[in-house]
Amino acid sequence: MKNNTRAIFNSRIGAILATAGSAVGLGNIWRFPYTLGENGGAAFLLIYILCVIILGLPVMLSEFYIGHKTHSNATGAFKLLAPKSNWSLIGYNGILATCFIFGFYSVIAGWTLEYFTHSMVGGFEGKSPLELQIYFNNFSSSIFRPLLWTSVFIFITHLIVVSGVKRGVEKAAKILMPLLFVILIMMSIQSLSLENASKGLLFLFKPDFSKITATVVLNAMGQAFFSLSVGICCLATFASYFDNQTNLQQSALQVTMIDTLVALLAGIIIFPAVFSFGIAPTTGPKLVFITIPQVLIQLPFGNIWAFIFFLLLALAALTSTISLLEVPTVYIQEEFHTSRRTASRIASLFIWVLGILCTLSFNVLADIKLFDLTFFELLDFATAKLMLPLGGLFICLFMNKHVKKEDLRAIMTNHGNTVFYFFNTFVFFVRWVAPILIILVFLNQFGLI
């Protein structure tokens, strides 16, 4: 059943950091704070953490089982577990989704490089809020610089992935993830030192239960689902590189805790800052690229803090894009028997074309729409509202139909060497709770509930 010739992570810490990196990204530092701000603050946070536990963990463990059991790529795993069936379509959905996500994600990641380099030369110093708005609008709607930064980010990711699992993916994670946490902690300390930081902390940690509505609950479920990167076979792919002694239960808990901690630290950075400078926490997606520079340049050594913050964003983006490129790369390598270099080049080239189209959808292709969506918006919509929830749902259905309970217990306990105290609860959640919640999220995306 297992492909024993595949690369295996060198160390346990490398495996955890690489897998956590696949979950940690701009969704934690860019999307989570503004989503929390728009959904009532601490009440949303409380529901979000509950959803991570009851929705994210069961699906994550399911992906870990699929990858670790087979030591194969996204489609190969399902072909091994359910031969002569159509369940491999889950893998194809994941491969295409990772390419689509990287395609539009590379645009936002490119923006972080633009802001990072702009802050290096003191470009935000003395800028008014209106000037920051104009700068963002002019940059995002221009052609050359966004295309350049999108291409640079894809190329950097390619260089890491083409180096292999151990020398590329794992080594990068061992450098990037600790550096990410150092910067998060530095900026959190700075933010907590601000005059009205306590107001931001109250907004983040003191729940107003009257703010909890059905919409808040469903939004929290969706954020938990997408933040952990479940449903697109990234986690299954990384679990296929775990060695046979890896404790899947412990690994899933550690990855979930790291992912949630990054989101919390992002909130600690942003909300004390926006409250200290009188900015509404409901600013929305532009919070990072327009509002945060406005806050940072008002601090002592503001340009240095802006430089550090956008370095943080770039690193977070890179930890995710590595995993996004790894999924199609290992698929091409194993299914078509090519070298890793060739596979990565093919995948990177395809993603680069998508990235170009997404970048141009902010300028010369802005009026070309399908279903009233630009190319950027279409890929975002297709992945977030269709491919991810459907992938997660069918992974749960697959686990129910094709995985025997005894075999699942054996893999999850390392054949009896570890204890799974809540195994029956886990099975119940995979069989009933997670699918129902995913369906609710799916229906909510289309405004049906």
Protein backbone atom coordinates (compact mmCIF):
# COMPACT_ATOMS: atom_id res chain seq x y z
CA MET A 1 0.00 0.00 0.00
CA LYS A 2 2.80 2.44 0.89
CA ASN A 3 5.31 3.93 -1.48
CA ASN A 4 8.47 3.32 0.54
CA THR A 5 10.79 4.99 -2.01
CA ARG A 6 9.41 8.47 -1.33
CA ALA A 7 11.21 11.23 0.52
CA ILE A 8 10.57 11.45 4.25
CA PHE A 9 11.03 14.50 6.45
CA ASN A 10 14.38 14.43 8.23
CA SER A 11 13.07 15.38 11.66
CA ARG A 12 9.88 15.60 13.65
CA ILE A 13 10.21 19.36 14.16
CA GLY A 14 10.78 19.81 10.43
CA ALA A 15 7.63 17.81 9.67
CA ILE A 16 5.54 19.88 12.10
CA LEU A 17 6.89 23.24 10.92
CA ALA A 18 6.47 22.36 7.23
CA THR A 19 2.92 21.11 7.76
CA ALA A 20 2.03 24.09 9.95
CA GLY A 21 3.48 26.34 7.27
CA SER A 22 1.03 24.89 4.76
CA ALA A 23 -1.80 26.13 7.00
CA VAL A 24 -0.26 29.40 8.19
CA GLY A 25 -0.45 32.16 5.60
CA LEU A 26 -2.04 35.45 4.65
CA GLY A 27 -5.35 33.96 5.76
CA ASN A 28 -4.12 34.16 9.35
CA ILE A 29 -2.56 37.63 9.24
CA TRP A 30 -4.58 39.37 6.53
CA ARG A 31 -7.99 37.67 6.38
CA PHE A 32 -8.51 36.61 10.01
CA PRO A 33 -8.23 40.08 11.64
CA TYR A 34 -10.61 41.84 9.28
CA THR A 35 -13.07 38.90 9.37
CA LEU A 36 -12.99 39.00 13.17
CA GLY A 37 -13.45 42.78 13.07
CA GLU A 38 -16.48 42.50 10.82
CA ASN A 39 -18.08 39.77 12.96
CA GLY A 40 -18.09 41.25 16.45
CA GLY A 41 -14.62 40.58 17.83
CA ALA A 42 -14.21 38.18 20.75
CA ALA A 43 -17.55 36.44 20.20
CA PHE A 44 -16.38 35.47 16.72
CA LEU A 45 -13.02 34.34 18.12
CA LEU A 46 -14.72 32.01 20.60
CA ILE A 47 -16.89 30.41 17.91
CA TYR A 48 -13.88 30.21 15.59
CA ILE A 49 -11.82 28.22 18.11
CA LEU A 50 -14.74 25.83 18.71
CA CYS A 51 -15.08 25.34 14.94
CA VAL A 52 -11.36 24.62 14.61
CA ILE A 53 -11.81 21.81 17.14
CA ILE A 54 -15.06 20.29 15.88
CA LEU A 55 -14.60 20.89 12.15
CA GLY A 56 -10.95 21.49 11.34
CA LEU A 57 -9.31 18.78 13.43
CA PRO A 58 -11.44 15.83 12.21
CA VAL A 59 -10.88 16.71 8.54
CA MET A 60 -7.17 17.36 9.17
CA LEU A 61 -6.78 13.95 10.84
CA SER A 62 -8.62 12.37 7.91
CA GLU A 63 -6.18 13.93 5.44
CA PHE A 64 -3.28 12.83 7.64
CA TYR A 65 -4.58 9.25 7.53
CA ILE A 66 -4.94 9.30 3.73
CA GLY A 67 -1.44 10.68 3.13
CA HIS A 68 0.36 8.68 5.82
CA LYS A 69 -1.33 5.38 4.95
CA THR A 70 -0.34 5.55 1.28
CA HIS A 71 2.78 7.75 1.11
CA SER A 72 1.50 8.93 -2.24
CA ASN A 73 0.42 12.09 -4.05
CA ALA A 74 -3.07 13.60 -3.99
CA THR A 75 -4.58 11.34 -6.65
CA GLY A 76 -2.34 8.33 -6.10
CA ALA A 77 -3.48 8.07 -2.48
CA PHE A 78 -7.12 7.63 -3.44
CA LYS A 79 -6.22 5.21 -6.24
CA LEU A 80 -4.42 3.04 -3.70
CA LEU A 81 -7.16 3.20 -1.08
CA ALA A 82 -10.08 2.81 -3.52
CA PRO A 83 -8.80 1.27 -6.78
CA LYS A 84 -10.98 1.29 -9.88
CA SER A 85 -13.22 4.01 -8.45
CA ASN A 86 -13.78 7.72 -9.07
CA TRP A 87 -12.65 8.82 -5.61
CA SER A 88 -9.36 10.02 -7.12
CA LEU A 89 -11.40 13.02 -8.33
CA ILE A 90 -10.95 14.37 -4.79
CA GLY A 91 -7.22 14.48 -5.49
CA TYR A 92 -7.69 16.14 -8.87
CA ASN A 93 -9.92 18.72 -7.22
CA GLY A 94 -7.15 19.40 -4.69
CA ILE A 95 -4.43 19.70 -7.34
CA LEU A 96 -6.46 22.12 -9.43
CA ALA A 97 -7.54 24.08 -6.35
CA THR A 98 -3.94 24.55 -5.17
CA CYS A 99 -2.98 25.87 -8.61
CA PHE A 100 -5.95 28.23 -8.68
CA ILE A 101 -5.30 29.45 -5.14
CA PHE A 102 -1.61 30.03 -5.87
CA GLY A 103 -2.63 31.86 -9.06
CA PHE A 104 -4.58 34.62 -7.28
CA TYR A 105 -2.63 34.30 -4.01
CA SER A 106 0.57 35.22 -5.88
CA VAL A 107 -0.96 38.62 -6.67
CA ILE A 108 -1.55 39.45 -2.99
CA ALA A 109 1.85 37.95 -2.13
CA GLY A 110 3.37 40.23 -4.77
CA TRP A 111 1.72 43.21 -3.12
CA THR A 112 3.49 42.31 0.13
CA LEU A 113 6.84 42.46 -1.72
CA GLU A 114 5.97 45.87 -3.15
CA TYR A 115 5.09 47.22 0.29
CA PHE A 116 8.12 45.52 1.83
CA THR A 117 10.54 47.19 -0.61
CA HIS A 118 8.65 50.51 -0.42
CA SER A 119 9.01 50.55 3.37
CA MET A 120 12.75 49.81 3.06
CA VAL A 121 13.29 53.21 1.45
CA GLY A 122 10.95 55.08 3.82
CA GLY A 123 8.22 55.36 1.22
CA PHE A 124 5.35 55.57 3.71
CA GLU A 125 6.86 58.34 5.81
CA GLY A 126 4.74 61.51 5.93
CA LYS A 127 1.91 60.01 3.87
CA SER A 128 -1.66 61.00 4.72
CA PRO A 129 -4.47 58.39 4.75
CA LEU A 130 -5.65 59.75 1.39
CA GLU A 131 -2.16 59.45 -0.09
CA LEU A 132 -1.91 55.85 1.15
CA GLN A 133 -5.26 55.08 -0.50
CA ILE A 134 -4.11 56.66 -3.76
CA TYR A 135 -0.79 54.78 -3.62
CA PHE A 136 -2.57 51.44 -3.17
CA ASN A 137 -5.06 52.15 -5.96
CA ASN A 138 -2.37 53.33 -8.38
CA PHE A 139 -0.09 50.38 -7.67
CA SER A 140 -2.76 47.65 -7.79
CA SER A 141 -4.19 49.03 -11.05
CA SER A 142 -0.81 49.45 -12.78
CA ILE A 143 0.66 46.76 -15.03
CA PHE A 144 4.42 46.37 -14.75
CA ARG A 145 5.18 46.38 -11.02
CA PRO A 146 2.38 43.97 -9.96
CA LEU A 147 3.39 41.61 -12.78
CA LEU A 148 7.03 41.81 -11.69
CA TRP A 149 6.30 41.05 -8.02
CA THR A 150 3.86 38.26 -8.87
CA SER A 151 6.53 36.64 -11.06
CA VAL A 152 9.23 37.09 -8.41
CA PHE A 153 7.13 35.41 -5.74
CA ILE A 154 6.31 32.43 -7.95
CA PHE A 155 9.98 32.09 -8.90
CA ILE A 156 11.14 32.16 -5.25
CA THR A 157 8.61 29.46 -4.38
CA HIS A 158 9.76 27.37 -7.36
CA LEU A 159 13.41 27.57 -6.26
CA ILE A 160 12.50 26.20 -2.82
CA VAL A 161 10.21 23.41 -4.04
CA VAL A 162 12.56 22.24 -6.81
CA SER A 163 15.24 21.68 -4.15
CA GLY A 164 13.27 18.75 -2.78
CA VAL A 165 11.35 17.75 0.33
CA LYS A 166 14.32 17.72 2.73
CA ARG A 167 16.64 20.37 1.27
CA GLY A 168 13.85 22.65 0.04
CA VAL A 169 10.46 22.37 1.75
CA GLU A 170 11.65 21.19 5.19
CA LYS A 171 14.75 23.40 5.33
CA ALA A 172 12.74 26.49 4.36
CA ALA A 173 10.15 25.72 7.04
CA LYS A 174 12.83 25.45 9.71
CA ILE A 175 14.01 28.96 8.82
CA LEU A 176 10.77 30.71 7.89
CA MET A 177 8.47 29.54 10.68
CA PRO A 178 10.74 30.53 13.63
CA LEU A 179 11.46 33.86 11.92
CA LEU A 180 7.74 34.37 11.45
CA PHE A 181 7.14 33.86 15.17
CA VAL A 182 10.00 36.17 16.17
CA ILE A 183 8.49 38.98 14.08
CA LEU A 184 4.97 38.24 15.37
CA ILE A 185 6.17 38.48 18.98
CA MET A 186 8.19 41.65 18.31
CA MET A 187 5.21 43.39 16.75
CA SER A 188 2.84 42.14 19.44
CA ILE A 189 5.04 43.68 22.14
CA GLN A 190 5.15 46.95 20.22
CA SER A 191 1.39 46.97 19.75
CA LEU A 192 0.72 46.19 23.42
CA SER A 193 2.85 49.18 24.43
CA LEU A 194 0.47 51.63 22.72
CA GLU A 195 -1.64 53.98 24.80
CA ASN A 196 -5.07 52.45 24.18
CA ALA A 197 -3.95 48.87 23.64
CA SER A 198 -6.36 47.66 26.34
CA LYS A 199 -9.34 48.64 24.20
CA GLY A 200 -8.08 46.46 21.38
CA LEU A 201 -7.50 43.55 23.75
CA LEU A 202 -11.02 43.88 25.15
CA PHE A 203 -12.41 43.82 21.61
CA LEU A 204 -10.34 40.72 20.87
CA PHE A 205 -10.80 38.74 24.09
CA LYS A 206 -13.93 39.97 25.92
CA PRO A 207 -16.92 38.41 24.13
CA ASP A 208 -20.22 40.18 23.73
CA PHE A 209 -22.52 37.20 23.33
CA SER A 210 -25.26 39.40 21.88
CA LYS A 211 -23.04 39.65 18.76
CA ILE A 212 -23.38 35.91 18.09
CA THR A 213 -25.75 35.33 15.19
CA ALA A 214 -26.19 32.52 12.68
CA THR A 215 -24.10 34.51 10.20
CA VAL A 216 -21.26 34.94 12.71
CA VAL A 217 -21.27 31.20 13.44
CA LEU A 218 -21.20 30.27 9.76
CA ASN A 219 -18.48 32.82 9.02
CA ALA A 220 -16.40 31.41 11.88
CA MET A 221 -16.87 27.90 10.49
CA GLY A 222 -15.77 29.03 7.07
CA GLN A 223 -12.71 30.85 8.43
CA ALA A 224 -11.68 27.81 10.50
CA PHE A 225 -12.07 25.55 7.48
CA PHE A 226 -10.06 27.72 5.12
CA SER A 227 -7.43 28.80 7.66
CA LEU A 228 -6.34 25.20 8.23
CA SER A 229 -6.12 24.50 4.47
CA VAL A 230 -8.26 21.38 4.75
CA GLY A 231 -10.00 19.89 1.75
CA ILE A 232 -7.37 20.48 -0.94
CA CYS A 233 -4.96 17.62 -0.13
CA CYS A 234 -2.11 19.89 1.05
CA LEU A 235 -2.20 18.21 4.45
CA ALA A 236 -2.49 14.74 2.91
CA THR A 237 0.54 15.48 0.72
CA PHE A 238 2.65 16.63 3.66
CA ALA A 239 1.49 13.68 5.80
CA SER A 240 2.78 11.40 3.05
CA TYR A 241 6.29 12.58 4.01
CA PHE A 242 5.85 11.63 7.70
CA ASP A 243 7.91 8.69 8.90
CA ASN A 244 6.22 5.62 10.37
CA GLN A 245 6.83 6.72 13.96
CA THR A 246 4.97 10.01 13.58
CA ASN A 247 2.14 10.49 16.06
CA LEU A 248 -0.67 11.78 13.83
CA GLN A 249 -2.86 12.86 16.75
CA GLN A 250 -0.11 14.92 18.30
CA SER A 251 0.93 16.35 14.94
CA ALA A 252 -2.62 17.48 14.14
CA LEU A 253 -2.96 19.16 17.53
CA GLN A 254 0.39 20.92 17.15
CA VAL A 255 -0.37 22.16 13.64
CA THR A 256 -3.79 23.39 14.76
CA MET A 257 -2.32 25.16 17.80
CA ILE A 258 0.40 26.85 15.72
CA ASP A 259 -2.12 27.99 13.12
CA THR A 260 -4.49 29.37 15.77
CA LEU A 261 -1.65 31.04 17.69
CA VAL A 262 -0.51 32.89 14.56
CA ALA A 263 -4.06 34.18 14.03
CA LEU A 264 -4.28 35.31 17.67
CA LEU A 265 -0.91 37.08 17.51
CA ALA A 266 -2.07 38.83 14.31
CA GLY A 267 -5.11 40.05 16.23
CA ILE A 268 -2.91 41.23 19.10
CA ILE A 269 -0.79 43.19 16.62
CA ILE A 270 -3.64 44.80 14.74
CA PHE A 271 -6.50 45.59 17.14
CA PRO A 272 -4.59 47.46 19.87
CA ALA A 273 -3.03 49.50 17.04
CA VAL A 274 -6.28 50.37 15.28
CA PHE A 275 -8.01 51.27 18.55
CA SER A 276 -5.07 53.39 19.67
CA PHE A 277 -5.28 55.47 16.51
CA GLY A 278 -9.06 55.62 16.31
CA ILE A 279 -9.55 53.39 13.28
CA ALA A 280 -12.65 51.22 12.94
CA PRO A 281 -11.94 47.48 13.36
CA THR A 282 -14.51 46.84 10.61
CA THR A 283 -12.30 48.40 7.92
CA GLY A 284 -12.34 45.15 5.94
CA PRO A 285 -9.82 43.64 3.48
CA LYS A 286 -7.98 46.95 2.97
CA LEU A 287 -6.99 46.87 6.67
CA VAL A 288 -3.49 45.54 5.95
CA PHE A 289 -2.53 47.50 2.83
CA ILE A 290 -4.08 50.89 3.60
CA THR A 291 -4.95 51.16 7.28
CA ILE A 292 -1.96 49.39 8.88
CA PRO A 293 0.64 51.57 7.07
CA GLN A 294 -1.31 54.57 8.36
CA VAL A 295 -0.91 53.22 11.90
CA LEU A 296 2.71 52.11 11.61
CA ILE A 297 4.10 55.40 10.29
CA GLN A 298 2.72 57.17 13.36
CA LEU A 299 4.90 55.03 15.64
CA PRO A 300 8.47 55.88 16.62
CA PHE A 301 10.70 54.41 13.89
CA GLY A 302 7.51 53.84 11.90
CA ASN A 303 9.23 52.88 8.65
CA ILE A 304 11.21 50.18 10.44
CA TRP A 305 7.97 48.73 11.87
CA ALA A 306 6.37 48.90 8.42
CA PHE A 307 9.39 47.07 6.99
CA ILE A 308 9.10 44.36 9.67
CA PHE A 309 5.33 44.02 9.23
CA PHE A 310 5.42 43.53 5.47
CA LEU A 311 8.35 41.14 5.84
CA LEU A 312 6.03 39.20 8.15
CA LEU A 313 3.31 39.15 5.49
CA ALA A 314 5.74 38.03 2.80
CA LEU A 315 7.04 35.20 4.98
CA ALA A 316 3.51 34.07 5.84
CA ALA A 317 2.61 34.06 2.16
CA LEU A 318 5.72 32.05 1.29
CA THR A 319 5.05 29.32 3.86
CA SER A 320 1.69 28.75 2.15
CA THR A 321 2.82 29.00 -1.48
CA ILE A 322 5.48 26.34 -0.87
CA SER A 323 2.77 23.84 0.07
CA LEU A 324 0.50 25.00 -2.75
CA LEU A 325 3.21 24.32 -5.33
CA GLU A 326 4.28 21.05 -3.70
CA VAL A 327 0.88 19.41 -4.36
CA PRO A 328 0.90 19.65 -8.20
CA THR A 329 4.67 19.15 -8.35
CA VAL A 330 4.68 15.76 -6.61
CA TYR A 331 1.59 14.72 -8.60
CA ILE A 332 3.31 15.41 -11.93
CA GLN A 333 6.55 13.83 -10.72
CA GLU A 334 4.97 10.56 -9.58
CA GLU A 335 2.12 10.09 -12.04
CA PHE A 336 4.11 11.05 -15.15
CA HIS A 337 7.50 9.75 -13.93
CA THR A 338 9.37 13.01 -14.49
CA SER A 339 12.16 14.60 -12.48
CA ARG A 340 11.21 16.91 -9.66
CA ARG A 341 12.79 19.82 -11.52
CA THR A 342 10.67 19.22 -14.61
CA ALA A 343 7.51 18.71 -12.56
CA SER A 344 8.06 21.93 -10.63
CA ARG A 345 8.74 23.87 -13.82
CA ILE A 346 5.51 22.64 -15.42
CA ALA A 347 3.44 23.44 -12.33
CA SER A 348 5.13 26.83 -11.83
CA LEU A 349 4.62 27.80 -15.46
CA PHE A 350 0.91 26.96 -15.30
CA ILE A 351 0.55 28.93 -12.05
CA TRP A 352 2.54 31.84 -13.53
CA VAL A 353 0.05 32.08 -16.42
CA LEU A 354 -2.81 32.12 -13.90
CA GLY A 355 -0.96 34.75 -11.86
CA ILE A 356 -0.52 36.98 -14.92
CA LEU A 357 -4.23 36.77 -15.74
CA CYS A 358 -5.14 37.52 -12.12
CA THR A 359 -2.77 40.50 -12.00
CA LEU A 360 -4.11 41.91 -15.25
CA SER A 361 -7.68 41.57 -13.97
CA PHE A 362 -6.97 44.70 -11.91
CA ASN A 363 -6.12 46.74 -15.01
CA VAL A 364 -6.27 45.78 -18.71
CA LEU A 365 -8.54 42.75 -18.13
CA ALA A 366 -10.72 44.46 -15.52
CA ASP A 367 -13.72 44.64 -17.88
CA ILE A 368 -13.48 41.02 -19.01
CA LYS A 369 -15.74 39.04 -16.70
CA LEU A 370 -17.31 35.61 -16.43
CA PHE A 371 -20.39 35.25 -14.26
CA ASP A 372 -19.86 38.97 -13.51
CA LEU A 373 -16.47 38.15 -11.93
CA THR A 374 -12.97 39.16 -13.00
CA PHE A 375 -10.43 36.37 -13.45
CA PHE A 376 -9.00 37.06 -9.98
CA GLU A 377 -12.45 37.04 -8.41
CA LEU A 378 -13.44 33.91 -10.33
CA LEU A 379 -10.51 31.86 -9.01
CA ASP A 380 -11.10 33.15 -5.50
CA PHE A 381 -14.81 32.28 -5.72
CA ALA A 382 -14.27 28.87 -7.31
CA THR A 383 -11.77 27.73 -4.69
CA ALA A 384 -13.16 29.31 -1.50
CA LYS A 385 -16.84 28.69 -2.18
CA LEU A 386 -16.77 25.50 -4.24
CA MET A 387 -13.57 23.45 -4.33
CA LEU A 388 -12.45 23.65 -0.70
CA PRO A 389 -15.77 22.86 0.99
CA LEU A 390 -16.60 20.16 -1.57
CA GLY A 391 -13.12 18.65 -1.12
CA GLY A 392 -13.55 18.55 2.65
CA LEU A 393 -17.04 17.08 2.35
CA PHE A 394 -15.98 14.29 0.00
CA ILE A 395 -12.95 13.46 2.11
CA CYS A 396 -15.35 12.81 5.01
CA LEU A 397 -17.64 10.75 2.76
CA PHE A 398 -14.64 8.80 1.50
CA MET A 399 -13.51 8.05 5.05
CA ASN A 400 -16.98 6.72 5.88
CA LYS A 401 -17.24 4.51 2.80
CA HIS A 402 -13.73 3.16 2.21
CA VAL A 403 -11.86 3.24 5.51
CA LYS A 404 -12.44 0.47 8.02
CA LYS A 405 -12.67 1.58 11.62
CA GLU A 406 -10.07 -0.96 12.73
CA ASP A 407 -7.54 0.21 10.13
CA LEU A 408 -8.18 3.85 11.01
CA ARG A 409 -7.55 3.10 14.68
CA ALA A 410 -4.34 1.22 13.83
CA ILE A 411 -2.89 4.13 11.83
CA MET A 412 -4.01 6.76 14.35
CA THR A 413 -2.43 4.84 17.25
CA ASN A 414 0.73 3.71 15.43
CA HIS A 415 -0.57 0.14 15.60
CA GLY A 416 -1.30 0.34 19.31
CA ASN A 417 1.85 2.18 20.39
CA THR A 418 -0.10 5.32 21.32
CA VAL A 419 -3.55 5.83 22.85
CA PHE A 420 -6.43 7.62 21.09
CA TYR A 421 -8.72 8.45 24.01
CA PHE A 422 -11.42 10.08 21.89
CA PHE A 423 -11.32 7.76 18.89
CA ASN A 424 -15.08 7.06 18.80
CA THR A 425 -15.78 10.79 19.14
CA PHE A 426 -13.42 11.47 16.24
CA VAL A 427 -15.19 8.88 14.07
CA PHE A 428 -18.59 10.37 14.97
CA PHE A 429 -17.40 13.85 14.04
CA VAL A 430 -15.98 12.66 10.70
CA ARG A 431 -19.11 10.65 9.93
CA TRP A 432 -21.77 13.15 10.95
CA VAL A 433 -20.72 16.48 12.48
CA ALA A 434 -18.06 17.64 10.00
CA PRO A 435 -20.09 16.80 6.85
CA ILE A 436 -23.17 18.58 8.18
CA LEU A 437 -21.18 21.66 9.17
CA ILE A 438 -19.39 21.74 5.82
CA ILE A 439 -22.73 21.55 4.02
CA LEU A 440 -23.95 24.48 6.14
CA VAL A 441 -20.85 26.48 5.24
CA PHE A 442 -21.35 25.58 1.59
CA LEU A 443 -25.00 26.69 1.60
CA ASN A 444 -24.08 29.87 3.45
CA GLN A 445 -21.54 30.78 0.75
CA PHE A 446 -24.42 30.98 -1.71
CA GLY A 447 -26.79 32.79 0.62
CA LEU A 448 -29.14 29.81 0.82
CA ILE A 449 -29.16 29.92 4.64
